[in-house]
Amino acid sequence: MKTEQNTNDLIQQVIFLLEDEPEVNMLCKEALEKSGFKVFAFTNPVDAKALIDKENPDLIISNIMLPLEDGIH
């Protein structure tokens, strides 16, 4: 019998979200948080890079065309 995963198990999973459009950033962040993830939302990669070593995200979701740098590096 398959059991549903407790959303508390997902709380520890950290996602970095990089999106420069404020509305898209907010909608994605809210959807991911409702699914139980801890989300750090950024509008530019410079801010994300400043925290990446400290937070050690499990997943990075990035828009490729971002201000200051592209979302690939």
PDB file of N, CA and C in Angstrom:
ATOM      1  N   MET A   1       0.842  -1.177   0.000  1.00  0.00           N
ATOM      2  CA  MET A   1       0.000   0.000   0.000  1.00  0.00           C
ATOM      3  C   MET A   1       0.892   1.246   0.000  1.00  0.00           C
ATOM      4  N   LYS A   2       0.645   2.144  -0.937  1.00  0.00           N
ATOM      5  CA  LYS A   2       1.427   3.363  -1.047  1.00  0.00           C
ATOM      6  C   LYS A   2       0.919   4.399  -0.045  1.00  0.00           C
ATOM      7  N   THR A   3       1.823   4.990   0.694  1.00  0.00           N
ATOM      8  CA  THR A   3       1.427   6.025   1.644  1.00  0.00           C
ATOM      9  C   THR A   3       1.881   7.378   1.125  1.00  0.00           C
ATOM     10  N   GLU A   4       1.144   8.404   1.478  1.00  0.00           N
ATOM     11  CA  GLU A   4       1.521   9.756   1.084  1.00  0.00           C
ATOM     12  C   GLU A   4       2.697  10.209   1.923  1.00  0.00           C
ATOM     13  N   GLN A   5       3.612  10.923   1.254  1.00  0.00           N
ATOM     14  CA  GLN A   5       4.767  11.441   1.979  1.00  0.00           C
ATOM     15  C   GLN A   5       4.333  12.634   2.820  1.00  0.00           C
ATOM     16  N   ASN A   6       4.753  12.641   4.041  1.00  0.00           N
ATOM     17  CA  ASN A   6       4.446  13.723   4.953  1.00  0.00           C
ATOM     18  C   ASN A   6       5.150  14.991   4.469  1.00  0.00           C
ATOM     19  N   THR A   7       4.430  16.119   4.386  1.00  0.00           N
ATOM     20  CA  THR A   7       5.055  17.357   3.918  1.00  0.00           C
ATOM     21  C   THR A   7       6.157  17.819   4.855  1.00  0.00           C
ATOM     22  N   ASN A   8       6.142  17.403   6.116  1.00  0.00           N
ATOM     23  CA  ASN A   8       7.227  17.758   7.032  1.00  0.00           C
ATOM     24  C   ASN A   8       8.550  17.150   6.588  1.00  0.00           C
ATOM     25  N   ASP A   9       8.508  16.030   5.868  1.00  0.00           N
ATOM     26  CA  ASP A   9       9.729  15.423   5.354  1.00  0.00           C
ATOM     27  C   ASP A   9      10.374  16.301   4.288  1.00  0.00           C
ATOM     28  N   LEU A  10       9.576  17.098   3.590  1.00  0.00           N
ATOM     29  CA  LEU A  10      10.085  17.943   2.517  1.00  0.00           C
ATOM     30  C   LEU A  10      10.611  19.287   3.011  1.00  0.00           C
ATOM     31  N   ILE A  11      10.248  19.675   4.216  1.00  0.00           N
ATOM     32  CA  ILE A  11      10.643  20.972   4.745  1.00  0.00           C
ATOM     33  C   ILE A  11      12.160  21.151   4.694  1.00  0.00           C
ATOM     34  N   GLN A  12      12.897  20.107   4.907  1.00  0.00           N
ATOM     35  CA  GLN A  12      14.342  20.190   4.939  1.00  0.00           C
ATOM     36  C   GLN A  12      14.945  20.361   3.546  1.00  0.00           C
ATOM     37  N   GLN A  13      14.174  20.106   2.505  1.00  0.00           N
ATOM     38  CA  GLN A  13      14.688  20.265   1.155  1.00  0.00           C
ATOM     39  C   GLN A  13      14.634  21.729   0.755  1.00  0.00           C
ATOM     40  N   VAL A  14      15.786  22.248   0.355  1.00  0.00           N
ATOM     41  CA  VAL A  14      15.941  23.670   0.060  1.00  0.00           C
ATOM     42  C   VAL A  14      16.010  23.886  -1.451  1.00  0.00           C
ATOM     43  N   ILE A  15      15.221  24.844  -1.923  1.00  0.00           N
ATOM     44  CA  ILE A  15      15.232  25.221  -3.332  1.00  0.00           C
ATOM     45  C   ILE A  15      15.623  26.684  -3.461  1.00  0.00           C
ATOM     46  N   PHE A  16      16.572  26.947  -4.356  1.00  0.00           N
ATOM     47  CA  PHE A  16      16.900  28.315  -4.745  1.00  0.00           C
ATOM     48  C   PHE A  16      16.132  28.604  -6.028  1.00  0.00           C
ATOM     49  N   LEU A  17      15.366  29.670  -6.033  1.00  0.00           N
ATOM     50  CA  LEU A  17      14.572  30.077  -7.180  1.00  0.00           C
ATOM     51  C   LEU A  17      15.120  31.401  -7.697  1.00  0.00           C
ATOM     52  N   LEU A  18      15.576  31.414  -8.934  1.00  0.00           N
ATOM     53  CA  LEU A  18      16.096  32.636  -9.548  1.00  0.00           C
ATOM     54  C   LEU A  18      15.190  33.043 -10.697  1.00  0.00           C
ATOM     55  N   GLU A  19      14.475  34.127 -10.509  1.00  0.00           N
ATOM     56  CA  GLU A  19      13.547  34.640 -11.524  1.00  0.00           C
ATOM     57  C   GLU A  19      13.462  36.147 -11.347  1.00  0.00           C
ATOM     58  N   ASP A  20      13.732  36.892 -12.430  1.00  0.00           N
ATOM     59  CA  ASP A  20      13.762  38.343 -12.324  1.00  0.00           C
ATOM     60  C   ASP A  20      12.394  39.014 -12.460  1.00  0.00           C
ATOM     61  N   GLU A  21      11.390  38.286 -12.928  1.00  0.00           N
ATOM     62  CA  GLU A  21      10.035  38.841 -13.001  1.00  0.00           C
ATOM     63  C   GLU A  21       9.352  38.651 -11.644  1.00  0.00           C
ATOM     64  N   PRO A  22       9.056  39.734 -10.932  1.00  0.00           N
ATOM     65  CA  PRO A  22       8.513  39.633  -9.570  1.00  0.00           C
ATOM     66  C   PRO A  22       7.255  38.778  -9.450  1.00  0.00           C
ATOM     67  N   GLU A  23       6.333  38.899 -10.405  1.00  0.00           N
ATOM     68  CA  GLU A  23       5.082  38.142 -10.314  1.00  0.00           C
ATOM     69  C   GLU A  23       5.335  36.640 -10.473  1.00  0.00           C
ATOM     70  N   VAL A  24       6.180  36.272 -11.426  1.00  0.00           N
ATOM     71  CA  VAL A  24       6.509  34.862 -11.655  1.00  0.00           C
ATOM     72  C   VAL A  24       7.270  34.306 -10.452  1.00  0.00           C
ATOM     73  N   ASN A  25       8.190  35.100  -9.929  1.00  0.00           N
ATOM     74  CA  ASN A  25       8.972  34.711  -8.768  1.00  0.00           C
ATOM     75  C   ASN A  25       8.046  34.400  -7.593  1.00  0.00           C
ATOM     76  N   MET A  26       7.102  35.291  -7.333  1.00  0.00           N
ATOM     77  CA  MET A  26       6.185  35.130  -6.203  1.00  0.00           C
ATOM     78  C   MET A  26       5.289  33.899  -6.389  1.00  0.00           C
ATOM     79  N   LEU A  27       4.733  33.720  -7.581  1.00  0.00           N
ATOM     80  CA  LEU A  27       3.844  32.582  -7.829  1.00  0.00           C
ATOM     81  C   LEU A  27       4.579  31.249  -7.679  1.00  0.00           C
ATOM     82  N   CYS A  28       5.776  31.170  -8.232  1.00  0.00           N
ATOM     83  CA  CYS A  28       6.559  29.931  -8.115  1.00  0.00           C
ATOM     84  C   CYS A  28       6.939  29.661  -6.668  1.00  0.00           C
ATOM     85  N   LYS A  29       7.359  30.700  -5.965  1.00  0.00           N
ATOM     86  CA  LYS A  29       7.757  30.553  -4.561  1.00  0.00           C
ATOM     87  C   LYS A  29       6.579  30.045  -3.727  1.00  0.00           C
ATOM     88  N   GLU A  30       5.417  30.650  -3.916  1.00  0.00           N
ATOM     89  CA  GLU A  30       4.233  30.241  -3.153  1.00  0.00           C
ATOM     90  C   GLU A  30       3.849  28.793  -3.444  1.00  0.00           C
ATOM     91  N   ALA A  31       3.892  28.397  -4.696  1.00  0.00           N
ATOM     92  CA  ALA A  31       3.533  27.027  -5.065  1.00  0.00           C
ATOM     93  C   ALA A  31       4.499  26.019  -4.455  1.00  0.00           C
ATOM     94  N   LEU A  32       5.777  26.323  -4.496  1.00  0.00           N
ATOM     95  CA  LEU A  32       6.775  25.415  -3.925  1.00  0.00           C
ATOM     96  C   LEU A  32       6.655  25.333  -2.403  1.00  0.00           C
ATOM     97  N   GLU A  33       6.409  26.478  -1.769  1.00  0.00           N
ATOM     98  CA  GLU A  33       6.250  26.477  -0.311  1.00  0.00           C
ATOM     99  C   GLU A  33       5.000  25.698   0.112  1.00  0.00           C
ATOM    100  N   LYS A  34       3.919  25.804  -0.654  1.00  0.00           N
ATOM    101  CA  LYS A  34       2.707  25.040  -0.346  1.00  0.00           C
ATOM    102  C   LYS A  34       2.952  23.542  -0.464  1.00  0.00           C
ATOM    103  N   SER A  35       3.955  23.179  -1.255  1.00  0.00           N
ATOM    104  CA  SER A  35       4.310  21.764  -1.409  1.00  0.00           C
ATOM    105  C   SER A  35       5.280  21.307  -0.327  1.00  0.00           C
ATOM    106  N   GLY A  36       5.662  22.219   0.563  1.00  0.00           N
ATOM    107  CA  GLY A  36       6.478  21.846   1.709  1.00  0.00           C
ATOM    108  C   GLY A  36       7.962  22.127   1.595  1.00  0.00           C
ATOM    109  N   PHE A  37       8.381  22.804   0.536  1.00  0.00           N
ATOM    110  CA  PHE A  37       9.802  23.102   0.369  1.00  0.00           C
ATOM    111  C   PHE A  37      10.181  24.408   1.057  1.00  0.00           C
ATOM    112  N   LYS A  38      11.425  24.505   1.461  1.00  0.00           N
ATOM    113  CA  LYS A  38      11.972  25.764   1.953  1.00  0.00           C
ATOM    114  C   LYS A  38      12.556  26.463   0.727  1.00  0.00           C
ATOM    115  N   VAL A  39      12.020  27.639   0.393  1.00  0.00           N
ATOM    116  CA  VAL A  39      12.388  28.313  -0.851  1.00  0.00           C
ATOM    117  C   VAL A  39      13.071  29.645  -0.564  1.00  0.00           C
ATOM    118  N   PHE A  40      14.209  29.839  -1.206  1.00  0.00           N
ATOM    119  CA  PHE A  40      14.888  31.124  -1.207  1.00  0.00           C
ATOM    120  C   PHE A  40      14.703  31.695  -2.610  1.00  0.00           C
ATOM    121  N   ALA A  41      13.993  32.800  -2.726  1.00  0.00           N
ATOM    122  CA  ALA A  41      13.707  33.393  -4.030  1.00  0.00           C
ATOM    123  C   ALA A  41      14.614  34.601  -4.253  1.00  0.00           C
ATOM    124  N   PHE A  42      15.216  34.639  -5.425  1.00  0.00           N
ATOM    125  CA  PHE A  42      16.141  35.708  -5.784  1.00  0.00           C
ATOM    126  C   PHE A  42      15.744  36.293  -7.133  1.00  0.00           C
ATOM    127  N   THR A  43      16.071  37.564  -7.320  1.00  0.00           N
ATOM    128  CA  THR A  43      15.820  38.200  -8.606  1.00  0.00           C
ATOM    129  C   THR A  43      17.101  38.369  -9.416  1.00  0.00           C
ATOM    130  N   ASN A  44      18.245  38.056  -8.814  1.00  0.00           N
ATOM    131  CA  ASN A  44      19.499  38.088  -9.567  1.00  0.00           C
ATOM    132  C   ASN A  44      20.460  37.041  -9.000  1.00  0.00           C
ATOM    133  N   PRO A  45      21.359  36.530  -9.839  1.00  0.00           N
ATOM    134  CA  PRO A  45      22.254  35.457  -9.408  1.00  0.00           C
ATOM    135  C   PRO A  45      23.312  35.886  -8.398  1.00  0.00           C
ATOM    136  N   VAL A  46      23.616  37.154  -8.334  1.00  0.00           N
ATOM    137  CA  VAL A  46      24.629  37.632  -7.384  1.00  0.00           C
ATOM    138  C   VAL A  46      24.183  37.355  -5.950  1.00  0.00           C
ATOM    139  N   ASP A  47      22.919  37.646  -5.659  1.00  0.00           N
ATOM    140  CA  ASP A  47      22.389  37.389  -4.312  1.00  0.00           C
ATOM    141  C   ASP A  47      22.355  35.893  -4.005  1.00  0.00           C
ATOM    142  N   ALA A  48      22.004  35.090  -4.999  1.00  0.00           N
ATOM    143  CA  ALA A  48      21.962  33.638  -4.798  1.00  0.00           C
ATOM    144  C   ALA A  48      23.357  33.092  -4.514  1.00  0.00           C
ATOM    145  N   LYS A  49      24.343  33.554  -5.258  1.00  0.00           N
ATOM    146  CA  LYS A  49      25.721  33.083  -5.053  1.00  0.00           C
ATOM    147  C   LYS A  49      26.233  33.414  -3.658  1.00  0.00           C
ATOM    148  N   ALA A  50      25.759  34.511  -3.095  1.00  0.00           N
ATOM    149  CA  ALA A  50      26.196  34.911  -1.759  1.00  0.00           C
ATOM    150  C   ALA A  50      25.743  33.917  -0.688  1.00  0.00           C
ATOM    151  N   LEU A  51      24.661  33.193  -0.932  1.00  0.00           N
ATOM    152  CA  LEU A  51      24.118  32.260   0.065  1.00  0.00           C
ATOM    153  C   LEU A  51      24.287  30.786  -0.294  1.00  0.00           C
ATOM    154  N   ILE A  52      24.758  30.498  -1.477  1.00  0.00           N
ATOM    155  CA  ILE A  52      24.755  29.107  -1.948  1.00  0.00           C
ATOM    156  C   ILE A  52      25.591  28.178  -1.067  1.00  0.00           C
ATOM    157  N   ASP A  53      26.740  28.613  -0.608  1.00  0.00           N
ATOM    158  CA  ASP A  53      27.565  27.757   0.242  1.00  0.00           C
ATOM    159  C   ASP A  53      26.969  27.579   1.631  1.00  0.00           C
ATOM    160  N   LYS A  54      26.315  28.608   2.135  1.00  0.00           N
ATOM    161  CA  LYS A  54      25.715  28.543   3.470  1.00  0.00           C
ATOM    162  C   LYS A  54      24.480  27.648   3.491  1.00  0.00           C
ATOM    163  N   GLU A  55      23.624  27.773   2.495  1.00  0.00           N
ATOM    164  CA  GLU A  55      22.346  27.050   2.490  1.00  0.00           C
ATOM    165  C   GLU A  55      22.411  25.700   1.781  1.00  0.00           C
ATOM    166  N   ASN A  56      23.376  25.513   0.887  1.00  0.00           N
ATOM    167  CA  ASN A  56      23.556  24.245   0.172  1.00  0.00           C
ATOM    168  C   ASN A  56      22.232  23.710  -0.381  1.00  0.00           C
ATOM    169  N   PRO A  57      21.656  24.404  -1.381  1.00  0.00           N
ATOM    170  CA  PRO A  57      20.337  24.001  -1.884  1.00  0.00           C
ATOM    171  C   PRO A  57      20.342  22.618  -2.523  1.00  0.00           C
ATOM    172  N   ASP A  58      19.203  21.941  -2.402  1.00  0.00           N
ATOM    173  CA  ASP A  58      19.016  20.642  -3.030  1.00  0.00           C
ATOM    174  C   ASP A  58      18.700  20.789  -4.518  1.00  0.00           C
ATOM    175  N   LEU A  59      18.112  21.924  -4.877  1.00  0.00           N
ATOM    176  CA  LEU A  59      17.720  22.174  -6.253  1.00  0.00           C
ATOM    177  C   LEU A  59      17.806  23.664  -6.529  1.00  0.00           C
ATOM    178  N   ILE A  60      18.254  24.016  -7.738  1.00  0.00           N
ATOM    179  CA  ILE A  60      18.264  25.407  -8.182  1.00  0.00           C
ATOM    180  C   ILE A  60      17.394  25.488  -9.429  1.00  0.00           C
ATOM    181  N   ILE A  61      16.373  26.330  -9.362  1.00  0.00           N
ATOM    182  CA  ILE A  61      15.514  26.588 -10.505  1.00  0.00           C
ATOM    183  C   ILE A  61      15.839  27.996 -10.982  1.00  0.00           C
ATOM    184  N   SER A  62      16.290  28.101 -12.222  1.00  0.00           N
ATOM    185  CA  SER A  62      16.776  29.390 -12.688  1.00  0.00           C
ATOM    186  C   SER A  62      16.254  29.753 -14.068  1.00  0.00           C
ATOM    187  N   ASN A  63      15.854  30.993 -14.195  1.00  0.00           N
ATOM    188  CA  ASN A  63      15.607  31.591 -15.491  1.00  0.00           C
ATOM    189  C   ASN A  63      16.981  31.760 -16.138  1.00  0.00           C
ATOM    190  N   ILE A  64      17.114  31.462 -17.404  1.00  0.00           N
ATOM    191  CA  ILE A  64      18.427  31.577 -18.047  1.00  0.00           C
ATOM    192  C   ILE A  64      18.797  33.024 -18.330  1.00  0.00           C
ATOM    193  N   MET A  65      17.825  33.864 -18.643  1.00  0.00           N
ATOM    194  CA  MET A  65      18.095  35.265 -18.948  1.00  0.00           C
ATOM    195  C   MET A  65      17.806  36.111 -17.709  1.00  0.00           C
ATOM    196  N   LEU A  66      18.873  36.399 -16.949  1.00  0.00           N
ATOM    197  CA  LEU A  66      18.751  37.170 -15.723  1.00  0.00           C
ATOM    198  C   LEU A  66      19.599  38.435 -15.816  1.00  0.00           C
ATOM    199  N   PRO A  67      19.271  39.461 -15.004  1.00  0.00           N
ATOM    200  CA  PRO A  67      20.122  40.652 -14.987  1.00  0.00           C
ATOM    201  C   PRO A  67      21.475  40.337 -14.340  1.00  0.00           C
ATOM    202  N   LEU A  68      22.485  41.043 -14.706  1.00  0.00           N
ATOM    203  CA  LEU A  68      23.848  40.964 -14.191  1.00  0.00           C
ATOM    204  C   LEU A  68      24.623  39.764 -14.726  1.00  0.00           C
ATOM    205  N   GLU A  69      24.039  38.587 -14.737  1.00  0.00           N
ATOM    206  CA  GLU A  69      24.667  37.374 -15.255  1.00  0.00           C
ATOM    207  C   GLU A  69      23.574  36.481 -15.818  1.00  0.00           C
ATOM    208  N   ASP A  70      23.974  35.500 -16.658  1.00  0.00           N
ATOM    209  CA  ASP A  70      22.953  34.564 -17.100  1.00  0.00           C
ATOM    210  C   ASP A  70      22.719  33.517 -16.018  1.00  0.00           C
ATOM    211  N   GLY A  71      21.669  32.754 -16.148  1.00  0.00           N
ATOM    212  CA  GLY A  71      21.301  31.774 -15.135  1.00  0.00           C
ATOM    213  C   GLY A  71      22.039  30.461 -15.245  1.00  0.00           C
ATOM    214  N   ILE A  72      23.015  30.379 -16.145  1.00  0.00           N
ATOM    215  CA  ILE A  72      23.765  29.141 -16.332  1.00  0.00           C
ATOM    216  C   ILE A  72      24.972  29.052 -15.413  1.00  0.00           C
ATOM    217  N   HIS A  73      25.619  30.137 -15.168  1.00  0.00           N
ATOM    218  CA  HIS A  73      26.837  30.145 -14.340  1.00  0.00           C
ATOM    219  C   HIS A  73      26.430  30.182 -12.920  1.00  0.00           C
TER     220      HIS A  73
END
